[in-house]
């Protein structure tokens, strides 16, 4: 079960890594739209349009990749801790 979870995480991470570096196109648009709505919902952006603009800027500046790398590291630590708990 944990091996399958790890394989799925690696595949998902690879997909998101591609999106994080892809500045234009439908995948980048979907990623930025999702992030923009999330930023508005979290009241970090005043509305979804401003959130999308913030997400696009973060992507252009390379910040999206840095966040992805932190997320990957955190996910891997959590998966290792969970596997240790269940062994």
N, C-alpha and C. Protein backbone atom coordinates (compact mmCIF):
# COMPACT_ATOMS: atom_id res chain seq x y z
N UNK A 1 0.82 -1.20 0.00
CA UNK A 1 0.00 0.00 0.00
C UNK A 1 0.87 1.26 0.00
N UNK A 2 1.87 1.29 0.86
CA UNK A 2 2.72 2.48 0.93
C UNK A 2 3.59 2.62 -0.31
N UNK A 3 4.01 1.50 -0.88
CA UNK A 3 4.81 1.57 -2.11
C UNK A 3 3.98 2.17 -3.24
N UNK A 4 2.71 1.78 -3.34
CA UNK A 4 1.82 2.33 -4.36
C UNK A 4 1.60 3.82 -4.13
N UNK A 5 1.41 4.20 -2.87
CA UNK A 5 1.22 5.61 -2.53
C UNK A 5 2.45 6.42 -2.95
N UNK A 6 3.64 5.87 -2.69
CA UNK A 6 4.89 6.55 -3.04
C UNK A 6 5.01 6.70 -4.56
N UNK A 7 4.65 5.66 -5.30
CA UNK A 7 4.71 5.72 -6.77
C UNK A 7 3.73 6.77 -7.28
N UNK A 8 2.53 6.81 -6.70
CA UNK A 8 1.56 7.82 -7.11
C UNK A 8 2.06 9.23 -6.81
N UNK A 9 2.69 9.40 -5.66
CA UNK A 9 3.23 10.71 -5.29
C UNK A 9 4.30 11.14 -6.29
N UNK A 10 5.17 10.21 -6.67
CA UNK A 10 6.22 10.55 -7.64
C UNK A 10 5.62 10.96 -8.98
N UNK A 11 4.59 10.24 -9.45
CA UNK A 11 3.95 10.59 -10.72
C UNK A 11 3.29 11.95 -10.63
N UNK A 12 2.57 12.20 -9.56
CA UNK A 12 1.89 13.49 -9.39
C UNK A 12 2.90 14.62 -9.32
N UNK A 13 3.98 14.39 -8.59
CA UNK A 13 5.02 15.41 -8.46
C UNK A 13 5.63 15.73 -9.81
N UNK A 14 5.87 14.70 -10.61
CA UNK A 14 6.44 14.93 -11.94
C UNK A 14 5.50 15.77 -12.79
N UNK A 15 4.20 15.48 -12.71
CA UNK A 15 3.23 16.26 -13.48
C UNK A 15 3.23 17.72 -13.02
N UNK A 16 3.18 17.93 -11.71
CA UNK A 16 3.15 19.30 -11.18
C UNK A 16 4.46 20.03 -11.45
N UNK A 17 5.58 19.31 -11.43
CA UNK A 17 6.86 19.95 -11.73
C UNK A 17 6.84 20.49 -13.15
N UNK A 18 6.28 19.72 -14.07
CA UNK A 18 6.17 20.18 -15.45
C UNK A 18 5.32 21.44 -15.52
N UNK A 19 4.22 21.46 -14.80
CA UNK A 19 3.32 22.63 -14.80
C UNK A 19 4.00 23.84 -14.19
N UNK A 20 4.75 23.62 -13.12
CA UNK A 20 5.38 24.74 -12.42
C UNK A 20 6.35 25.50 -13.31
N UNK A 21 6.96 24.81 -14.27
CA UNK A 21 7.93 25.47 -15.13
C UNK A 21 7.32 25.90 -16.45
N UNK A 22 6.08 25.50 -16.73
CA UNK A 22 5.43 25.79 -18.00
C UNK A 22 4.68 27.13 -17.88
N UNK A 23 5.21 28.20 -18.48
CA UNK A 23 4.61 29.51 -18.27
C UNK A 23 3.29 29.75 -19.01
N UNK A 24 3.04 29.02 -20.10
CA UNK A 24 1.81 29.24 -20.87
C UNK A 24 1.21 27.92 -21.28
N UNK A 25 -0.06 27.97 -21.65
CA UNK A 25 -0.73 26.78 -22.13
C UNK A 25 -1.88 26.39 -21.23
N UNK A 26 -2.68 25.43 -21.67
CA UNK A 26 -3.88 25.06 -20.92
C UNK A 26 -3.58 24.46 -19.55
N UNK A 27 -2.50 23.74 -19.41
CA UNK A 27 -2.18 23.16 -18.11
C UNK A 27 -1.78 24.26 -17.13
N UNK A 28 -0.95 25.18 -17.60
CA UNK A 28 -0.56 26.31 -16.75
C UNK A 28 -1.78 27.17 -16.41
N UNK A 29 -2.67 27.35 -17.36
CA UNK A 29 -3.89 28.13 -17.10
C UNK A 29 -4.73 27.49 -16.00
N UNK A 30 -4.90 26.18 -16.09
CA UNK A 30 -5.69 25.46 -15.07
C UNK A 30 -5.02 25.55 -13.71
N UNK A 31 -3.71 25.39 -13.68
CA UNK A 31 -2.96 25.48 -12.44
C UNK A 31 -3.11 26.87 -11.82
N UNK A 32 -2.97 27.90 -12.63
CA UNK A 32 -3.07 29.27 -12.12
C UNK A 32 -4.49 29.63 -11.71
N UNK A 33 -5.48 29.12 -12.44
CA UNK A 33 -6.87 29.37 -12.05
C UNK A 33 -7.17 28.74 -10.70
N UNK A 34 -6.74 27.50 -10.53
CA UNK A 34 -6.95 26.81 -9.26
C UNK A 34 -6.25 27.56 -8.12
N UNK A 35 -5.01 27.94 -8.35
CA UNK A 35 -4.26 28.66 -7.32
C UNK A 35 -4.90 30.02 -7.03
N UNK A 36 -5.38 30.69 -8.06
CA UNK A 36 -6.01 32.00 -7.88
C UNK A 36 -7.26 31.93 -7.04
N UNK A 37 -8.09 30.93 -7.29
CA UNK A 37 -9.31 30.76 -6.49
C UNK A 37 -8.94 30.41 -5.05
N UNK A 38 -7.93 29.57 -4.88
CA UNK A 38 -7.49 29.21 -3.53
C UNK A 38 -6.96 30.43 -2.79
N UNK A 39 -6.21 31.29 -3.46
CA UNK A 39 -5.70 32.50 -2.83
C UNK A 39 -6.84 33.43 -2.41
N UNK A 40 -7.87 33.53 -3.25
CA UNK A 40 -9.03 34.35 -2.90
C UNK A 40 -9.79 33.73 -1.73
N UNK A 41 -9.97 32.42 -1.75
CA UNK A 41 -10.69 31.74 -0.67
C UNK A 41 -9.97 31.89 0.66
N UNK A 42 -8.64 31.92 0.61
CA UNK A 42 -7.84 32.09 1.83
C UNK A 42 -7.71 33.56 2.22
N UNK A 43 -8.35 34.43 1.45
CA UNK A 43 -8.33 35.88 1.67
C UNK A 43 -6.91 36.46 1.58
N UNK A 44 -6.08 35.82 0.76
CA UNK A 44 -4.75 36.35 0.47
C UNK A 44 -4.86 37.31 -0.72
N UNK A 45 -5.77 37.00 -1.63
CA UNK A 45 -6.09 37.87 -2.76
C UNK A 45 -7.51 38.40 -2.56
N UNK A 46 -7.79 39.62 -3.02
CA UNK A 46 -9.12 40.18 -2.82
C UNK A 46 -10.21 39.49 -3.63
N UNK A 47 -9.84 38.86 -4.75
CA UNK A 47 -10.81 38.16 -5.59
C UNK A 47 -10.05 37.15 -6.45
N UNK A 48 -10.76 36.22 -7.10
CA UNK A 48 -10.07 35.20 -7.90
C UNK A 48 -9.20 35.77 -9.02
N UNK A 49 -9.64 36.85 -9.66
CA UNK A 49 -8.83 37.43 -10.74
C UNK A 49 -7.48 37.92 -10.22
N UNK A 50 -7.50 38.57 -9.06
CA UNK A 50 -6.24 39.02 -8.46
C UNK A 50 -5.41 37.81 -8.03
N UNK A 51 -6.07 36.77 -7.55
CA UNK A 51 -5.36 35.55 -7.17
C UNK A 51 -4.68 34.90 -8.36
N UNK A 52 -5.37 34.87 -9.51
CA UNK A 52 -4.77 34.32 -10.73
C UNK A 52 -3.55 35.14 -11.12
N UNK A 53 -3.65 36.45 -11.05
CA UNK A 53 -2.51 37.31 -11.38
C UNK A 53 -1.33 37.03 -10.44
N UNK A 54 -1.64 36.83 -9.15
CA UNK A 54 -0.57 36.51 -8.19
C UNK A 54 0.07 35.17 -8.52
N UNK A 55 -0.75 34.19 -8.87
CA UNK A 55 -0.24 32.86 -9.21
C UNK A 55 0.62 32.92 -10.47
N UNK A 56 0.18 33.67 -11.47
CA UNK A 56 0.96 33.80 -12.70
C UNK A 56 2.31 34.46 -12.43
N UNK A 57 2.31 35.48 -11.60
CA UNK A 57 3.57 36.15 -11.27
C UNK A 57 4.50 35.22 -10.50
N UNK A 58 3.94 34.47 -9.57
CA UNK A 58 4.76 33.51 -8.81
C UNK A 58 5.37 32.47 -9.75
N UNK A 59 4.59 32.04 -10.72
CA UNK A 59 5.09 31.06 -11.69
C UNK A 59 6.21 31.66 -12.53
N UNK A 60 5.99 32.87 -13.05
CA UNK A 60 7.01 33.54 -13.87
C UNK A 60 8.30 33.77 -13.09
N UNK A 61 8.17 34.09 -11.82
CA UNK A 61 9.35 34.38 -10.99
C UNK A 61 10.05 33.12 -10.49
N UNK A 62 9.47 31.96 -10.78
CA UNK A 62 10.09 30.71 -10.35
C UNK A 62 9.71 30.30 -8.93
N UNK A 63 8.84 31.07 -8.30
CA UNK A 63 8.44 30.75 -6.93
C UNK A 63 7.59 29.48 -6.87
N UNK A 64 6.86 29.19 -7.93
CA UNK A 64 6.03 27.99 -7.95
C UNK A 64 6.90 26.74 -7.81
N UNK A 65 8.02 26.74 -8.47
CA UNK A 65 8.94 25.60 -8.37
C UNK A 65 9.50 25.45 -6.97
N UNK A 66 9.80 26.55 -6.32
CA UNK A 66 10.33 26.49 -4.95
C UNK A 66 9.28 25.95 -3.99
N UNK A 67 8.04 26.37 -4.17
CA UNK A 67 6.96 25.86 -3.32
C UNK A 67 6.77 24.36 -3.57
N UNK A 68 6.84 23.96 -4.83
CA UNK A 68 6.71 22.55 -5.16
C UNK A 68 7.80 21.73 -4.47
N UNK A 69 9.02 22.21 -4.50
CA UNK A 69 10.11 21.48 -3.87
C UNK A 69 9.90 21.35 -2.36
N UNK A 70 9.39 22.40 -1.72
CA UNK A 70 9.09 22.31 -0.28
C UNK A 70 7.97 21.32 -0.02
N UNK A 71 6.96 21.31 -0.90
CA UNK A 71 5.85 20.38 -0.76
C UNK A 71 6.34 18.95 -0.92
N UNK A 72 7.19 18.70 -1.89
CA UNK A 72 7.75 17.36 -2.10
C UNK A 72 8.51 16.91 -0.86
N UNK A 73 9.38 17.76 -0.34
CA UNK A 73 10.17 17.40 0.84
C UNK A 73 9.27 17.10 2.04
N UNK A 74 8.25 17.93 2.24
CA UNK A 74 7.33 17.72 3.35
C UNK A 74 6.56 16.42 3.17
N UNK A 75 6.08 16.17 1.95
CA UNK A 75 5.33 14.94 1.67
C UNK A 75 6.18 13.71 1.92
N UNK A 76 7.43 13.77 1.51
CA UNK A 76 8.32 12.63 1.70
C UNK A 76 8.60 12.39 3.18
N UNK A 77 8.79 13.46 3.95
CA UNK A 77 9.00 13.30 5.40
C UNK A 77 7.78 12.69 6.06
N UNK A 78 6.60 13.18 5.68
CA UNK A 78 5.35 12.67 6.27
C UNK A 78 5.13 11.21 5.90
N UNK A 79 5.40 10.85 4.65
CA UNK A 79 5.23 9.46 4.22
C UNK A 79 6.19 8.54 4.97
N UNK A 80 7.42 8.99 5.17
CA UNK A 80 8.39 8.18 5.91
C UNK A 80 7.96 8.02 7.37
N UNK A 81 7.46 9.10 7.96
CA UNK A 81 7.00 9.03 9.35
C UNK A 81 5.79 8.10 9.47
N UNK A 82 4.89 8.17 8.52
CA UNK A 82 3.70 7.31 8.54
C UNK A 82 4.10 5.84 8.34
N UNK A 83 5.03 5.59 7.46
CA UNK A 83 5.50 4.21 7.23
C UNK A 83 6.16 3.66 8.48
N UNK A 84 6.90 4.50 9.19
CA UNK A 84 7.57 4.07 10.42
C UNK A 84 6.54 3.73 11.50
N UNK A 85 5.48 4.53 11.57
CA UNK A 85 4.42 4.29 12.56
C UNK A 85 3.72 2.96 12.34
N UNK A 86 3.61 2.56 11.07
CA UNK A 86 2.86 1.35 10.73
C UNK A 86 3.74 0.13 10.56
N UNK A 87 5.02 0.25 10.86
CA UNK A 87 5.89 -0.94 10.72
C UNK A 87 6.15 -1.60 12.04
